[in-house]
């Protein structure tokens, strides 16, 4: 059950995140994706009856404030409604929701099976499902990804993805999902910096401030649990 849920959540989350990153600004996608700890804590509270501590609510507020900060300026459209009319921001938000749920599932599975067995089973099943979808829907794009100019990028992504997921799965066996997810989402800062340096995205200074707020919220959630 956990492996099937993980497979579906990872496939949906990865597809949304890839589409957001390919079609939008990663300095928008990263901080919005950093909201995922909220979607880990809230289901926990509903299921267990345990609400966040005062510091936890501060963390939620900072994360929301960071997202509001992204909506200011020309790229964000001036409001949250306009921000989430952007396809990249909306895809990143949905991916954050799936990641929040996935973190809880991964912790349950890793504790039940052990990190190596769970990692191989869940992500092996995900790889098979993703390959089938790729062959069925976009065979030409799948072949293009194996061409020499693209192969290094695909391999680098695979190595980084497997390494990061393995470390995260191991961490989930010794800490609550909200802890691990909160620390992981500090990557939103890196996304903003890379967006400005590699892709010359606009308004990086303002987006960096918003990302810092969102990540501060993640740290508060980490310390609150």
Protein backbone atom coordinates (compact mmCIF):
# COMPACT_ATOMS: atom_id res chain seq x y z
CA UNK A 1 0.00 0.00 0.00
CA UNK A 2 2.76 2.44 0.98
CA UNK A 3 4.82 1.56 -2.09
CA UNK A 4 1.83 2.07 -4.40
CA UNK A 5 1.01 5.42 -2.76
CA UNK A 6 4.64 6.52 -2.97
CA UNK A 7 4.83 5.53 -6.64
CA UNK A 8 1.77 7.58 -7.56
CA UNK A 9 2.76 10.60 -5.44
CA UNK A 10 6.34 10.66 -6.74
CA UNK A 11 5.19 10.39 -10.36
CA UNK A 12 2.66 13.20 -9.98
CA UNK A 13 5.02 15.42 -7.99
CA UNK A 14 7.97 14.92 -10.34
CA UNK A 15 5.87 15.55 -13.43
CA UNK A 16 4.49 18.80 -12.05
CA UNK A 17 7.89 19.96 -10.85
CA UNK A 18 9.58 19.14 -14.16
CA UNK A 19 6.89 21.01 -16.08
CA UNK A 20 7.14 24.02 -13.76
CA UNK A 21 10.93 24.15 -14.01
CA UNK A 22 10.95 23.73 -17.79
CA UNK A 23 8.31 26.36 -18.56
CA UNK A 24 8.79 28.89 -15.77
CA UNK A 25 11.28 30.64 -13.50
CA UNK A 26 13.04 28.40 -11.00
CA UNK A 27 13.34 31.40 -8.68
CA UNK A 28 9.53 31.30 -8.49
CA UNK A 29 9.21 27.50 -8.49
CA UNK A 30 11.75 26.89 -5.69
CA UNK A 31 10.21 29.12 -3.00
CA UNK A 32 6.63 28.01 -3.80
CA UNK A 33 7.78 24.38 -3.62
CA UNK A 34 9.29 25.24 -0.22
CA UNK A 35 5.74 25.47 1.16
CA UNK A 36 5.58 21.65 1.30
CA UNK A 37 6.30 21.42 5.09
CA UNK A 38 2.91 23.06 5.66
CA UNK A 39 1.26 20.19 3.82
CA UNK A 40 3.10 17.73 6.07
CA UNK A 41 2.21 19.36 9.38
CA UNK A 42 -1.47 20.07 8.72
CA UNK A 43 -2.44 16.46 7.83
CA UNK A 44 -0.52 15.28 10.89
CA UNK A 45 -2.55 17.67 13.04
CA UNK A 46 -5.84 16.52 11.53
CA UNK A 47 -5.03 12.83 11.90
CA UNK A 48 -3.41 12.90 15.34
CA UNK A 49 -5.26 15.83 16.90
CA UNK A 50 -1.98 17.62 17.63
CA UNK A 51 -1.83 21.23 16.51
CA UNK A 52 1.46 23.06 15.86
CA UNK A 53 3.03 24.88 18.78
CA UNK A 54 3.15 28.70 18.78
CA UNK A 55 6.53 28.55 17.07
CA UNK A 56 4.99 26.23 14.49
CA UNK A 57 2.33 28.82 13.68
CA UNK A 58 5.10 31.41 13.32
CA UNK A 59 6.71 29.07 10.81
CA UNK A 60 3.49 28.73 8.83
CA UNK A 61 3.08 32.52 8.84
CA UNK A 62 6.63 33.11 7.60
CA UNK A 63 6.21 30.55 4.83
CA UNK A 64 2.99 32.24 3.71
CA UNK A 65 4.68 35.65 3.94
CA UNK A 66 7.46 34.41 1.68
CA UNK A 67 4.92 33.28 -0.89
CA UNK A 68 3.11 36.62 -0.68
CA UNK A 69 6.49 38.27 -1.30
CA UNK A 70 6.81 36.34 -4.53
CA UNK A 71 3.55 37.87 -5.75
CA UNK A 72 4.90 41.39 -5.48
CA UNK A 73 6.44 42.83 -8.59
CA UNK A 74 5.88 42.43 -12.29
CA UNK A 75 6.59 38.69 -12.56
CA UNK A 76 4.26 37.74 -9.72
CA UNK A 77 1.46 39.92 -11.02
CA UNK A 78 1.01 41.93 -7.81
CA UNK A 79 -1.22 39.50 -5.90
CA UNK A 80 -1.42 35.89 -4.79
CA UNK A 81 -4.25 35.29 -7.25
CA UNK A 82 -2.10 36.58 -10.09
CA UNK A 83 0.90 34.59 -8.87
CA UNK A 84 -1.03 31.33 -8.97
CA UNK A 85 -2.38 32.13 -12.40
CA UNK A 86 1.20 31.50 -13.50
CA UNK A 87 1.41 27.91 -14.62
CA UNK A 88 4.84 27.42 -13.04
CA UNK A 89 3.68 28.68 -9.62
CA UNK A 90 0.50 26.60 -9.68
CA UNK A 91 2.38 23.45 -10.71
CA UNK A 92 4.93 24.06 -7.94
CA UNK A 93 2.16 24.50 -5.37
CA UNK A 94 0.49 21.23 -6.38
CA UNK A 95 3.89 19.52 -6.29
CA UNK A 96 4.39 20.88 -2.76
CA UNK A 97 1.05 19.37 -1.68
CA UNK A 98 2.04 15.98 -3.08
CA UNK A 99 5.47 16.20 -1.45
CA UNK A 100 3.89 16.99 1.91
CA UNK A 101 1.82 13.82 1.68
CA UNK A 102 4.72 11.83 0.25
CA UNK A 103 6.97 12.66 3.20
CA UNK A 104 4.50 11.09 5.61
CA UNK A 105 4.14 7.99 3.40
CA UNK A 106 7.93 7.67 3.02
CA UNK A 107 8.46 7.81 6.78
CA UNK A 108 5.87 5.09 7.34
CA UNK A 109 7.37 2.90 4.61
CA UNK A 110 10.99 3.41 5.66
CA UNK A 111 10.17 2.51 9.27
CA UNK A 112 8.27 -0.60 8.18
CA UNK A 113 10.72 -1.96 5.58
CA UNK A 114 14.00 -0.21 6.31
CA UNK A 115 15.44 2.55 4.10
CA UNK A 116 17.25 0.36 1.50
CA UNK A 117 14.34 -2.01 0.87
CA UNK A 118 11.79 0.78 0.79
CA UNK A 119 13.93 2.97 -1.47
CA UNK A 120 14.54 0.20 -4.00
CA UNK A 121 10.93 -0.98 -3.97
CA UNK A 122 9.17 2.38 -4.16
CA UNK A 123 11.50 4.16 -6.55
CA UNK A 124 12.06 1.05 -8.65
CA UNK A 125 8.29 0.84 -9.14
CA UNK A 126 8.22 4.57 -9.90
CA UNK A 127 10.94 4.17 -12.54
CA UNK A 128 8.96 1.41 -14.27
CA UNK A 129 5.76 3.49 -14.21
CA UNK A 130 7.54 6.60 -15.50
CA UNK A 131 9.21 4.64 -18.29
CA UNK A 132 5.85 3.21 -19.36
CA UNK A 133 4.26 6.68 -19.40
CA UNK A 134 7.18 8.08 -21.38
CA UNK A 135 7.07 5.30 -23.96
CA UNK A 136 3.32 5.64 -24.30
CA UNK A 137 3.00 9.41 -24.46
CA UNK A 138 6.30 10.92 -25.61
CA UNK A 139 8.54 8.25 -27.16
CA UNK A 140 10.41 10.81 -29.28
CA UNK A 141 11.25 12.93 -26.24
CA UNK A 142 12.37 9.83 -24.36
CA UNK A 143 14.73 8.89 -27.20
CA UNK A 144 16.01 12.48 -27.35
CA UNK A 145 16.88 12.36 -23.64
CA UNK A 146 19.32 9.52 -24.40
CA UNK A 147 21.12 11.45 -27.14
CA UNK A 148 24.76 12.26 -26.26
CA UNK A 149 24.20 16.03 -25.69
CA UNK A 150 21.43 15.29 -23.14
CA UNK A 151 22.68 12.07 -21.59
CA UNK A 152 25.12 13.75 -19.18
CA UNK A 153 22.34 15.97 -17.83
CA UNK A 154 20.03 12.97 -17.38
CA UNK A 155 22.74 10.96 -15.61
CA UNK A 156 23.68 13.87 -13.34
CA UNK A 157 20.02 14.36 -12.42
CA UNK A 158 19.71 10.64 -11.69
CA UNK A 159 22.78 10.52 -9.45
CA UNK A 160 21.76 13.64 -7.52
CA UNK A 161 18.16 12.44 -7.23
CA UNK A 162 19.07 8.97 -5.95
CA UNK A 163 21.65 10.35 -3.51
CA UNK A 164 19.32 13.00 -2.11
CA UNK A 165 16.39 10.61 -1.83
CA UNK A 166 18.51 7.96 -0.12
CA UNK A 167 19.74 10.47 2.46
CA UNK A 168 16.20 11.75 3.01
CA UNK A 169 14.78 8.24 3.41
CA UNK A 170 17.43 7.41 6.00
CA UNK A 171 16.70 10.65 7.86
CA UNK A 172 12.98 9.83 7.94
CA UNK A 173 13.69 6.82 10.14
CA UNK A 174 15.14 8.99 12.92
CA UNK A 175 13.07 12.19 12.68
CA UNK A 176 9.45 13.17 11.94
CA UNK A 177 8.56 13.85 8.31
CA UNK A 178 7.96 17.54 9.04
CA UNK A 179 11.53 17.90 10.37
CA UNK A 180 13.09 16.31 7.31
CA UNK A 181 10.84 18.08 4.84
CA UNK A 182 11.51 21.45 6.44
CA UNK A 183 15.28 21.08 6.20
CA UNK A 184 15.04 19.76 2.64
CA UNK A 185 13.08 22.79 1.51
CA UNK A 186 15.98 25.11 2.29
CA UNK A 187 16.86 24.31 -1.32
CA UNK A 188 14.47 27.12 -2.28
CA UNK A 189 17.29 29.56 -1.60
CA UNK A 190 19.59 27.72 -3.98
CA UNK A 191 16.89 27.74 -6.66
CA UNK A 192 16.63 31.54 -6.52
CA UNK A 193 20.41 31.99 -6.70
CA UNK A 194 20.71 29.60 -9.64
CA UNK A 195 17.78 31.26 -11.40
CA UNK A 196 19.60 34.57 -11.29
CA UNK A 197 23.12 33.35 -12.10
CA UNK A 198 22.42 30.68 -14.72
CA UNK A 199 19.21 31.87 -16.36
CA UNK A 200 19.32 35.64 -15.71
CA UNK A 201 15.80 35.62 -14.24
CA UNK A 202 14.29 38.96 -13.22
CA UNK A 203 13.76 40.41 -9.74
CA UNK A 204 16.18 37.99 -8.07
CA UNK A 205 16.79 40.29 -5.08
CA UNK A 206 13.11 40.42 -4.14
CA UNK A 207 12.64 36.73 -4.77
CA UNK A 208 15.66 35.94 -2.61
CA UNK A 209 14.10 37.90 0.27
CA UNK A 210 10.85 35.98 -0.19
CA UNK A 211 12.74 32.68 -0.28
CA UNK A 212 14.57 33.56 2.95
CA UNK A 213 11.20 34.19 4.65
CA UNK A 214 9.79 30.89 3.37
CA UNK A 215 12.89 29.00 4.51
CA UNK A 216 12.81 30.74 7.90
CA UNK A 217 9.27 29.41 8.22
CA UNK A 218 10.56 25.92 7.42
CA UNK A 219 13.21 26.25 10.14
CA UNK A 220 10.58 27.33 12.67
CA UNK A 221 8.50 24.29 11.76
CA UNK A 222 11.59 22.17 12.29
CA UNK A 223 12.27 23.63 15.74
CA UNK A 224 8.60 23.56 16.75
CA UNK A 225 8.09 19.80 16.52
